[in-house]
Amino acid sequence: MASEASTLSTPTNICIKWNGREMQFAMDATDTVSTLKHRVQGETNVSAKRAKLLGLKLRDGKPASDESCVADLVIKPGAKIMMMGTPDAEIEQAAKDAASAPEVQDDFDISEEAVAELDISDKPEVQAKLQRRIQSVEVKILNAPRLNKKCLVLDIDYTLFDLGSNAERPEELARPYLHEFLTACYAQYDIIIWSATSMKWVEVKMKELGVLGHPEYKITCMLDHAAMLTVHTEKYGVFDCKPLAFIWAKFPDQYHASNTIMLDDLRRNYVMNRQQGLVIRPYRKAHLTRGSDRELLHLTTYLTSIGDRESLADLNHKLWEEFIRRRRS
């Protein structure tokens, strides 16, 4: 009993690493993970509800919960626990900026037939506007492109994240199998995030979802509305789209029409790149659908199945589910 009491009274030093900072916390064995998160909140202003401590496991190998005691954690001497999370003030400011920004997109879309009949890519005014985008918009490379990897371009809202629902924790709004999907695809694809919102909001979302800094995969770069093009059509009016030629111009030695695929829930974003676009089913009402949504799980099968092809140019991504069924039969 004396030995047990001595153990419980001896503080355990836990090192938390966040945004380049290392912080030491002396924790009692009976303290919980939630207590640790609240201690960290005092140093970082990252809400304990939003903080995510990566890799915390119990002695039985199961992931630690907020109620887990420090005494039950497996922490090697000298180990540094990575934390994901954004200070509340930054989230609030980014939300205000996103709400007031005129470029935030709505859910207007056009049909598959409309995409097929529109031919705007070669119009001189569209090409001129594209060249201005290429010259004026800088791309911040987060991780260098890798040799012989294909390019996977991903939208955020309603593709990876349910923008329309509310939750205390961002992971509750993440699409099921998000990290498994990105980890599996990363073996064959460099990953680029492209959202129609502002870069500040893109960064907040990716940090809160644990995408930036994830140990199993890396993001090459992130693009926002500044890299999109506004196109004018006689039949469908004015709307914005995502020209993949922007990426190909920025990474001419790595990516091109034959090795790029883009996932988005809005067809209008593919209007200049019909062959490379795959329309993903929108992820909405996360509280009701998170238990049944398998879109990323099935797309993992598709993307890893085609990832070793020399070229993706001969594929019709509209038939991706049929492609999977044929391979399984």
Protein backbone atom coordinates (compact mmCIF):
# COMPACT_ATOMS: atom_id res chain seq x y z
CA MET A 1 0.00 0.00 0.00
CA ALA A 2 2.86 2.36 0.84
CA SER A 3 4.42 1.66 -2.55
CA GLU A 4 1.09 2.36 -4.31
CA ALA A 5 0.62 5.61 -2.40
CA SER A 6 4.15 6.66 -3.32
CA THR A 7 3.43 6.00 -6.98
CA LEU A 8 0.24 8.03 -6.92
CA SER A 9 1.94 10.97 -5.23
CA THR A 10 4.81 11.13 -7.73
CA PRO A 11 3.97 13.58 -10.55
CA THR A 12 4.37 12.43 -14.13
CA ASN A 13 5.96 14.97 -16.45
CA ILE A 14 4.20 15.10 -19.81
CA CYS A 15 5.63 17.07 -22.73
CA ILE A 16 3.10 18.57 -25.13
CA LYS A 17 4.27 19.89 -28.53
CA TRP A 18 2.05 22.37 -30.35
CA ASN A 19 2.83 24.89 -33.09
CA GLY A 20 6.56 24.55 -32.50
CA ARG A 21 6.24 25.04 -28.73
CA GLU A 22 7.11 22.42 -26.15
CA MET A 23 5.33 22.59 -22.79
CA GLN A 24 5.94 20.48 -19.70
CA PHE A 25 3.10 19.57 -17.35
CA ALA A 26 3.51 17.79 -14.01
CA MET A 27 0.45 15.55 -13.71
CA ASP A 28 -0.67 13.35 -10.83
CA ALA A 29 -1.38 9.72 -11.62
CA THR A 30 -5.05 10.23 -10.77
CA ASP A 31 -5.42 13.22 -13.12
CA THR A 32 -7.37 12.59 -16.31
CA VAL A 33 -6.66 13.43 -19.93
CA SER A 34 -9.37 16.06 -19.62
CA THR A 35 -7.43 17.67 -16.76
CA LEU A 36 -4.33 17.72 -18.95
CA LYS A 37 -6.24 19.35 -21.81
CA HIS A 38 -7.54 22.05 -19.48
CA ARG A 39 -3.99 22.69 -18.26
CA VAL A 40 -2.88 23.01 -21.87
CA GLN A 41 -5.81 25.33 -22.58
CA GLY A 42 -4.42 27.73 -19.97
CA GLU A 43 -1.14 27.92 -21.88
CA THR A 44 -2.41 27.97 -25.47
CA ASN A 45 -6.03 29.23 -25.42
CA VAL A 46 -6.96 26.09 -27.36
CA SER A 47 -10.28 24.90 -25.93
CA ALA A 48 -10.06 21.57 -24.14
CA LYS A 49 -13.07 20.45 -26.19
CA ARG A 50 -11.19 21.11 -29.43
CA ALA A 51 -7.71 19.95 -28.40
CA LYS A 52 -6.62 16.66 -29.90
CA LEU A 53 -3.66 14.78 -28.40
CA LEU A 54 -2.22 12.41 -30.98
CA GLY A 55 -1.19 8.87 -30.20
CA LEU A 56 -2.31 8.67 -26.56
CA LYS A 57 -2.94 5.02 -25.73
CA LEU A 58 -3.80 2.99 -22.65
CA ARG A 59 -1.85 0.03 -21.34
CA ASP A 60 -4.31 -2.34 -23.02
CA GLY A 61 -3.59 -0.73 -26.40
CA LYS A 62 -6.89 1.11 -26.70
CA PRO A 63 -7.01 4.85 -27.49
CA ALA A 64 -7.21 7.05 -24.42
CA SER A 65 -10.40 9.01 -23.76
CA ASP A 66 -10.84 12.27 -21.88
CA GLU A 67 -11.81 10.24 -18.80
CA SER A 68 -8.65 8.09 -18.87
CA CYS A 69 -6.27 8.50 -15.94
CA VAL A 70 -2.66 9.52 -16.43
CA ALA A 71 -1.58 6.38 -14.55
CA ASP A 72 -3.14 4.24 -17.30
CA LEU A 73 -1.38 5.99 -20.19
CA VAL A 74 1.60 4.51 -22.02
CA ILE A 75 4.10 7.35 -22.37
CA LYS A 76 7.74 6.53 -23.03
CA PRO A 77 10.39 8.56 -21.18
CA GLY A 78 11.25 11.69 -23.15
CA ALA A 79 8.26 11.28 -25.49
CA LYS A 80 6.56 14.40 -26.87
CA ILE A 81 2.80 14.31 -27.33
CA MET A 82 1.70 16.19 -30.44
CA MET A 83 -1.38 18.34 -30.03
CA MET A 84 -3.74 19.59 -32.73
CA GLY A 85 -5.97 22.57 -32.10
CA THR A 86 -6.59 26.22 -32.93
CA PRO A 87 -7.10 28.99 -30.32
CA ASP A 88 -10.74 29.99 -30.01
CA ALA A 89 -9.97 33.60 -30.90
CA GLU A 90 -8.48 32.54 -34.25
CA ILE A 91 -11.48 30.34 -35.01
CA GLU A 92 -13.90 33.13 -34.21
CA GLN A 93 -12.00 35.65 -36.32
CA ALA A 94 -11.71 33.24 -39.24
CA ALA A 95 -15.43 32.52 -39.03
CA LYS A 96 -16.20 36.24 -39.09
CA ASP A 97 -13.89 36.75 -42.06
CA ALA A 98 -15.46 33.83 -43.92
CA ALA A 99 -18.98 35.04 -43.19
CA SER A 100 -18.25 38.54 -44.47
CA ALA A 101 -16.19 37.52 -47.49
CA PRO A 102 -18.06 37.98 -50.78
CA GLU A 103 -16.32 35.03 -52.39
CA VAL A 104 -17.86 32.36 -50.16
CA GLN A 105 -19.74 30.05 -52.47
CA ASP A 106 -23.31 28.75 -52.35
CA ASP A 107 -24.54 25.37 -53.49
CA PHE A 108 -25.59 26.42 -56.99
CA ASP A 109 -24.63 23.70 -59.43
CA ILE A 110 -25.18 22.69 -63.02
CA SER A 111 -26.17 19.33 -64.46
CA GLU A 112 -23.91 16.72 -66.00
CA GLU A 113 -25.38 17.55 -69.40
CA ALA A 114 -24.64 21.24 -68.90
CA VAL A 115 -21.01 20.52 -68.04
CA ALA A 116 -20.71 18.41 -71.18
CA GLU A 117 -22.15 21.07 -73.47
CA LEU A 118 -20.16 24.00 -72.10
CA ASP A 119 -16.94 24.62 -73.99
CA ILE A 120 -15.19 27.54 -72.37
CA SER A 121 -11.63 26.34 -71.73
CA ASP A 122 -10.20 27.62 -75.01
CA LYS A 123 -11.97 30.97 -75.07
CA PRO A 124 -9.37 33.77 -75.28
CA GLU A 125 -10.87 35.73 -72.40
CA VAL A 126 -10.88 32.63 -70.17
CA GLN A 127 -7.27 31.81 -71.03
CA ALA A 128 -6.25 35.40 -70.39
CA LYS A 129 -7.91 35.36 -66.99
CA LEU A 130 -6.26 32.02 -66.19
CA GLN A 131 -2.82 33.39 -67.03
CA ARG A 132 -3.43 36.35 -64.73
CA ARG A 133 -4.33 33.95 -61.93
CA ILE A 134 -1.20 31.90 -62.53
CA GLN A 135 1.00 34.98 -62.45
CA SER A 136 -0.62 36.78 -59.52
CA VAL A 137 -1.52 34.01 -57.04
CA GLU A 138 1.33 32.57 -55.02
CA VAL A 139 1.23 28.97 -53.83
CA LYS A 140 2.74 28.11 -50.46
CA ILE A 141 4.27 24.64 -50.69
CA LEU A 142 3.81 22.81 -47.40
CA ASN A 143 5.54 19.60 -48.49
CA ALA A 144 7.54 19.14 -51.67
CA PRO A 145 5.96 17.07 -54.47
CA ARG A 146 7.29 13.54 -54.63
CA LEU A 147 8.71 11.83 -57.69
CA ASN A 148 6.27 9.78 -59.79
CA LYS A 149 3.23 10.49 -57.64
CA LYS A 150 -0.16 11.36 -59.10
CA CYS A 151 -2.12 14.41 -57.95
CA LEU A 152 -5.30 14.20 -55.88
CA VAL A 153 -7.17 17.51 -55.51
CA LEU A 154 -9.78 17.63 -52.75
CA ASP A 155 -12.55 20.06 -51.91
CA ILE A 156 -13.41 20.58 -48.22
CA ASP A 157 -17.00 21.66 -47.59
CA TYR A 158 -19.49 18.77 -47.97
CA THR A 159 -16.66 16.67 -49.44
CA LEU A 160 -14.50 16.09 -46.36
CA PHE A 161 -16.47 18.13 -43.83
CA ASP A 162 -20.13 18.85 -43.05
CA LEU A 163 -20.22 22.64 -43.13
CA GLY A 164 -23.94 22.89 -42.43
CA SER A 165 -24.11 21.13 -39.06
CA ASN A 166 -23.01 22.18 -35.57
CA ALA A 167 -20.88 20.24 -33.11
CA GLU A 168 -18.67 20.85 -30.09
CA ARG A 169 -15.72 19.06 -31.68
CA PRO A 170 -14.65 19.43 -35.32
CA GLU A 171 -14.00 15.70 -35.69
CA GLU A 172 -17.72 15.15 -35.22
CA LEU A 173 -18.25 16.88 -38.57
CA ALA A 174 -15.39 15.16 -40.39
CA ARG A 175 -16.51 12.69 -43.01
CA PRO A 176 -16.18 9.08 -41.83
CA TYR A 177 -12.88 7.39 -42.78
CA LEU A 178 -11.26 10.78 -43.55
CA HIS A 179 -7.82 9.96 -42.16
CA GLU A 180 -7.88 6.36 -43.39
CA PHE A 181 -8.74 7.67 -46.86
CA LEU A 182 -5.94 10.26 -46.90
CA THR A 183 -3.41 7.80 -45.48
CA ALA A 184 -4.17 5.16 -48.12
CA CYS A 185 -4.20 7.64 -51.01
CA TYR A 186 -0.97 9.29 -49.91
CA ALA A 187 0.97 6.17 -50.92
CA GLN A 188 0.21 6.92 -54.60
CA TYR A 189 -0.90 10.55 -54.72
CA ASP A 190 0.34 13.95 -53.63
CA ILE A 191 -2.62 15.67 -51.96
CA ILE A 192 -3.75 19.23 -52.67
CA ILE A 193 -6.62 20.88 -50.80
CA TRP A 194 -8.70 23.40 -52.80
CA SER A 195 -11.58 25.25 -51.17
CA ALA A 196 -13.80 28.09 -52.39
CA THR A 197 -13.38 29.94 -49.08
CA SER A 198 -10.55 32.13 -47.75
CA MET A 199 -7.13 30.69 -46.92
CA LYS A 200 -7.48 31.65 -43.25
CA TRP A 201 -10.60 29.51 -42.99
CA VAL A 202 -9.01 26.68 -44.99
CA GLU A 203 -6.11 26.57 -42.55
CA VAL A 204 -8.40 26.59 -39.52
CA LYS A 205 -10.51 23.73 -40.89
CA MET A 206 -7.53 21.58 -41.79
CA LYS A 207 -5.88 22.12 -38.41
CA GLU A 208 -9.08 21.44 -36.51
CA LEU A 209 -9.70 18.24 -38.46
CA GLY A 210 -6.14 17.08 -37.74
CA VAL A 211 -5.22 17.00 -41.44
CA LEU A 212 -2.27 19.39 -41.22
CA GLY A 213 0.57 17.74 -39.37
CA HIS A 214 -0.92 14.26 -39.47
CA PRO A 215 1.82 11.64 -38.95
CA GLU A 216 0.62 9.27 -41.69
CA TYR A 217 0.29 11.64 -44.64
CA LYS A 218 1.26 15.12 -45.81
CA ILE A 219 -0.46 17.89 -47.75
CA THR A 220 1.48 19.35 -50.69
CA CYS A 221 -0.31 22.71 -50.69
CA MET A 222 -3.67 24.37 -50.11
CA LEU A 223 -5.55 26.65 -52.50
CA ASP A 224 -8.45 28.98 -51.84
CA HIS A 225 -10.88 31.14 -53.81
CA ALA A 226 -8.06 33.34 -55.09
CA ALA A 227 -6.96 30.58 -57.49
CA MET A 228 -10.47 30.04 -58.91
CA LEU A 229 -11.85 31.54 -62.11
CA THR A 230 -15.11 33.38 -62.62
CA VAL A 231 -16.65 32.34 -65.92
CA HIS A 232 -19.52 33.92 -67.84
CA THR A 233 -21.93 31.70 -69.75
CA GLU A 234 -24.95 32.75 -71.75
CA LYS A 235 -27.16 29.93 -70.52
CA TYR A 236 -26.05 29.46 -66.90
CA GLY A 237 -24.88 32.93 -65.96
CA VAL A 238 -21.78 33.68 -63.90
CA PHE A 239 -20.12 31.17 -61.58
CA ASP A 240 -16.70 30.21 -60.26
CA CYS A 241 -14.75 27.07 -61.10
CA LYS A 242 -11.45 25.38 -60.28
CA PRO A 243 -9.15 25.22 -63.32
CA LEU A 244 -6.64 22.42 -62.85
CA ALA A 245 -4.42 24.18 -65.38
CA PHE A 246 -3.53 26.51 -62.50
CA ILE A 247 -1.98 23.58 -60.60
CA TRP A 248 -0.30 22.20 -63.70
CA ALA A 249 1.31 25.58 -64.37
CA LYS A 250 2.55 25.86 -60.79
CA PHE A 251 3.96 22.30 -60.80
CA PRO A 252 4.90 21.73 -64.47
CA ASP A 253 7.37 18.92 -63.78
CA GLN A 254 5.03 16.93 -61.56
CA TYR A 255 1.36 17.20 -62.47
CA HIS A 256 -0.57 17.19 -65.73
CA ALA A 257 -3.87 16.15 -67.27
CA SER A 258 -2.97 12.46 -67.30
CA ASN A 259 -2.08 12.07 -63.63
CA THR A 260 -4.58 14.36 -61.86
CA ILE A 261 -8.00 13.66 -60.37
CA MET A 262 -10.21 16.10 -58.43
CA LEU A 263 -12.99 15.26 -55.96
CA ASP A 264 -15.70 17.86 -55.39
CA ASP A 265 -19.42 17.78 -54.65
CA LEU A 266 -20.17 20.53 -57.22
CA ARG A 267 -19.96 19.75 -60.95
CA ARG A 268 -19.51 23.41 -61.87
CA ASN A 269 -16.01 23.27 -60.41
CA TYR A 270 -15.00 20.78 -63.14
CA VAL A 271 -16.29 22.78 -66.08
CA MET A 272 -12.77 23.33 -67.42
CA ASN A 273 -11.60 19.80 -66.56
CA ARG A 274 -14.42 17.36 -67.26
CA GLN A 275 -12.28 14.26 -67.53
CA GLN A 276 -10.39 14.80 -64.29
CA GLY A 277 -13.46 15.49 -62.14
CA LEU A 278 -15.22 12.98 -59.91
CA VAL A 279 -18.46 14.14 -58.31
CA ILE A 280 -18.58 12.99 -54.72
CA ARG A 281 -21.88 12.69 -52.88
CA PRO A 282 -22.19 15.65 -50.50
CA TYR A 283 -21.75 14.88 -46.82
CA ARG A 284 -24.55 16.56 -44.87
CA LYS A 285 -26.42 16.03 -41.59
CA ALA A 286 -23.38 14.44 -39.98
CA HIS A 287 -25.23 13.54 -36.77
CA LEU A 288 -27.61 11.34 -38.76
CA THR A 289 -25.32 10.01 -41.49
CA ARG A 290 -21.92 9.47 -39.87
CA GLY A 291 -22.84 5.90 -39.07
CA SER A 292 -23.81 5.02 -42.62
CA ASP A 293 -21.65 7.21 -44.90
CA ARG A 294 -19.09 5.00 -46.69
CA GLU A 295 -18.19 7.31 -49.58
CA LEU A 296 -14.53 7.79 -48.65
CA LEU A 297 -14.15 4.11 -47.86
CA HIS A 298 -15.35 3.14 -51.35
CA LEU A 299 -13.35 5.92 -53.01
CA THR A 300 -10.24 4.61 -51.26
CA THR A 301 -10.75 1.36 -53.14
CA TYR A 302 -11.20 3.18 -56.44
CA LEU A 303 -8.28 5.57 -56.12
CA THR A 304 -5.82 2.95 -54.91
CA SER A 305 -6.95 0.62 -57.70
CA ILE A 306 -6.15 3.18 -60.41
CA GLY A 307 -3.16 4.76 -58.68
CA ASP A 308 -0.58 2.52 -60.37
CA ARG A 309 -1.85 3.17 -63.90
CA GLU A 310 0.55 5.00 -66.16
CA SER A 311 -2.25 7.38 -67.16
CA LEU A 312 -5.68 8.27 -65.79
CA ALA A 313 -6.74 9.97 -69.01
CA ASP A 314 -8.70 7.00 -70.37
CA LEU A 315 -10.92 6.66 -67.30
CA ASN A 316 -14.49 7.85 -66.99
CA HIS A 317 -14.71 8.77 -63.32
CA LYS A 318 -18.50 8.96 -63.50
CA LEU A 319 -18.38 5.16 -63.60
CA TRP A 320 -16.10 4.75 -60.58
CA GLU A 321 -18.57 2.59 -58.66
CA GLU A 322 -19.07 0.30 -61.66
CA PHE A 323 -15.28 0.05 -61.93
CA ILE A 324 -15.14 -1.24 -58.33
CA ARG A 325 -17.96 -3.74 -58.92
CA ARG A 326 -16.20 -5.16 -61.99
CA ARG A 327 -12.96 -5.61 -60.08
CA ARG A 328 -14.75 -7.42 -57.27
CA SER A 329 -16.72 -9.75 -59.54
